[in-house]
C-alpha atoms as a PDB file:
ATOM      1  CA  UNK A   1      37.588   1.547  25.454  1.00  0.00           C
ATOM      2  CA  UNK A   2      38.270   0.544  29.263  1.00  0.00           C
ATOM      3  CA  UNK A   3      37.767   2.919  31.987  1.00  0.00           C
ATOM      4  CA  UNK A   4      41.572   2.553  32.863  1.00  0.00           C
ATOM      5  CA  UNK A   5      42.930   3.681  29.069  1.00  0.00           C
ATOM      6  CA  UNK A   6      40.377   6.111  28.662  1.00  0.00           C
ATOM      7  CA  UNK A   7      41.310   7.849  32.207  1.00  0.00           C
ATOM      8  CA  UNK A   8      44.608   7.861  31.469  1.00  0.00           C
ATOM      9  CA  UNK A   9      44.484   8.894  27.905  1.00  0.00           C
ATOM     10  CA  UNK A  10      42.381  11.808  29.615  1.00  0.00           C
ATOM     11  CA  UNK A  11      45.029  12.284  32.584  1.00  0.00           C
ATOM     12  CA  UNK A  12      47.900  12.729  30.033  1.00  0.00           C
ATOM     13  CA  UNK A  13      46.316  15.196  27.810  1.00  0.00           C
ATOM     14  CA  UNK A  14      48.521  13.977  24.731  1.00  0.00           C
ATOM     15  CA  UNK A  15      45.098  13.845  22.593  1.00  0.00           C
ATOM     16  CA  UNK A  16      41.366  14.507  22.319  1.00  0.00           C
ATOM     17  CA  UNK A  17      39.086  12.312  23.979  1.00  0.00           C
ATOM     18  CA  UNK A  18      35.870  13.477  22.530  1.00  0.00           C
ATOM     19  CA  UNK A  19      36.396  10.855  19.744  1.00  0.00           C
ATOM     20  CA  UNK A  20      35.911   8.543  22.155  1.00  0.00           C
ATOM     21  CA  UNK A  21      32.750   9.851  23.929  1.00  0.00           C
ATOM     22  CA  UNK A  22      29.363   8.760  22.466  1.00  0.00           C
ATOM     23  CA  UNK A  23      27.309  12.111  22.269  1.00  0.00           C
ATOM     24  CA  UNK A  24      24.132  10.799  20.634  1.00  0.00           C
ATOM     25  CA  UNK A  25      22.390  10.618  23.945  1.00  0.00           C
ATOM     26  CA  UNK A  26      24.477  13.431  25.777  1.00  0.00           C
ATOM     27  CA  UNK A  27      21.398  15.260  27.720  1.00  0.00           C
ATOM     28  CA  UNK A  28      21.723  18.596  30.076  1.00  0.00           C
ATOM     29  CA  UNK A  29      20.138  17.896  33.533  1.00  0.00           C
ATOM     30  CA  UNK A  30      17.532  20.143  34.254  1.00  0.00           C
ATOM     31  CA  UNK A  31      17.597  21.537  31.083  1.00  0.00           C
ATOM     32  CA  UNK A  32      14.224  19.786  29.524  1.00  0.00           C
ATOM     33  CA  UNK A  33      11.905  22.037  28.598  1.00  0.00           C
ATOM     34  CA  UNK A  34       7.782  22.306  28.918  1.00  0.00           C
ATOM     35  CA  UNK A  35       5.779  25.052  27.026  1.00  0.00           C
ATOM     36  CA  UNK A  36       3.642  26.986  29.270  1.00  0.00           C
ATOM     37  CA  UNK A  37       1.145  29.998  28.544  1.00  0.00           C
ATOM     38  CA  UNK A  38       1.249  33.397  30.128  1.00  0.00           C
ATOM     39  CA  UNK A  39      -1.121  36.089  29.910  1.00  0.00           C
ATOM     40  CA  UNK A  40       0.902  39.811  30.195  1.00  0.00           C
ATOM     41  CA  UNK A  41      -1.094  43.020  29.939  1.00  0.00           C
ATOM     42  CA  UNK A  42      -0.429  45.280  26.966  1.00  0.00           C
ATOM     43  CA  UNK A  43       2.180  47.533  28.140  1.00  0.00           C
ATOM     44  CA  UNK A  44       4.161  44.680  29.872  1.00  0.00           C
ATOM     45  CA  UNK A  45       4.191  43.083  26.078  1.00  0.00           C
ATOM     46  CA  UNK A  46       5.190  46.221  24.343  1.00  0.00           C
ATOM     47  CA  UNK A  47       8.219  46.922  27.094  1.00  0.00           C
ATOM     48  CA  UNK A  48       9.629  43.562  26.676  1.00  0.00           C
ATOM     49  CA  UNK A  49       9.292  43.997  22.623  1.00  0.00           C
ATOM     50  CA  UNK A  50      11.441  47.051  22.706  1.00  0.00           C
ATOM     51  CA  UNK A  51      13.506  46.085  25.406  1.00  0.00           C
ATOM     52  CA  UNK A  52      14.059  43.182  23.143  1.00  0.00           C
ATOM     53  CA  UNK A  53      14.738  44.670  19.933  1.00  0.00           C
ATOM     54  CA  UNK A  54      17.443  46.942  21.555  1.00  0.00           C
ATOM     55  CA  UNK A  55      19.616  44.199  22.757  1.00  0.00           C
ATOM     56  CA  UNK A  56      18.393  42.441  19.038  1.00  0.00           C
ATOM     57  CA  UNK A  57      16.935  39.064  20.233  1.00  0.00           C
ATOM     58  CA  UNK A  58      13.298  38.100  20.305  1.00  0.00           C
ATOM     59  CA  UNK A  59      10.641  38.260  23.151  1.00  0.00           C
ATOM     60  CA  UNK A  60      10.796  34.774  24.033  1.00  0.00           C
ATOM     61  CA  UNK A  61      14.429  35.345  24.675  1.00  0.00           C
ATOM     62  CA  UNK A  62      14.191  38.137  27.138  1.00  0.00           C
ATOM     63  CA  UNK A  63      11.528  36.748  28.962  1.00  0.00           C
ATOM     64  CA  UNK A  64      13.757  33.648  29.502  1.00  0.00           C
ATOM     65  CA  UNK A  65      16.606  36.168  30.355  1.00  0.00           C
ATOM     66  CA  UNK A  66      15.125  38.248  32.719  1.00  0.00           C
ATOM     67  CA  UNK A  67      13.850  35.060  34.421  1.00  0.00           C
ATOM     68  CA  UNK A  68      16.617  33.256  34.856  1.00  0.00           C
ATOM     69  CA  UNK A  69      18.519  36.402  36.167  1.00  0.00           C
ATOM     70  CA  UNK A  70      15.733  36.834  38.621  1.00  0.00           C
ATOM     71  CA  UNK A  71      15.977  33.175  39.600  1.00  0.00           C
ATOM     72  CA  UNK A  72      19.639  32.896  39.799  1.00  0.00           C
ATOM     73  CA  UNK A  73      20.163  36.154  42.351  1.00  0.00           C
ATOM     74  CA  UNK A  74      17.541  34.671  44.874  1.00  0.00           C
ATOM     75  CA  UNK A  75      18.849  31.205  44.812  1.00  0.00           C
ATOM     76  CA  UNK A  76      22.473  32.712  44.793  1.00  0.00           C
ATOM     77  CA  UNK A  77      21.451  34.485  48.092  1.00  0.00           C
ATOM     78  CA  UNK A  78      20.441  31.322  49.728  1.00  0.00           C
END
């Protein structure tokens, strides 16, 4: 499909354009992952586990969530 036709289909909003997209190669920018190791004192791990259990997520999820929240807060104020 030519870009002109695709744009018209999108602009007209008469039909779903998702079928015209190749989603097999879609990547979210800045979402590549890299594994790191971090050492924490036992009391920190225990606290992380308690909070993770309280809200029903894994330890890794709570760490990621809190780090992202902190970074967003820091960079939102700049």
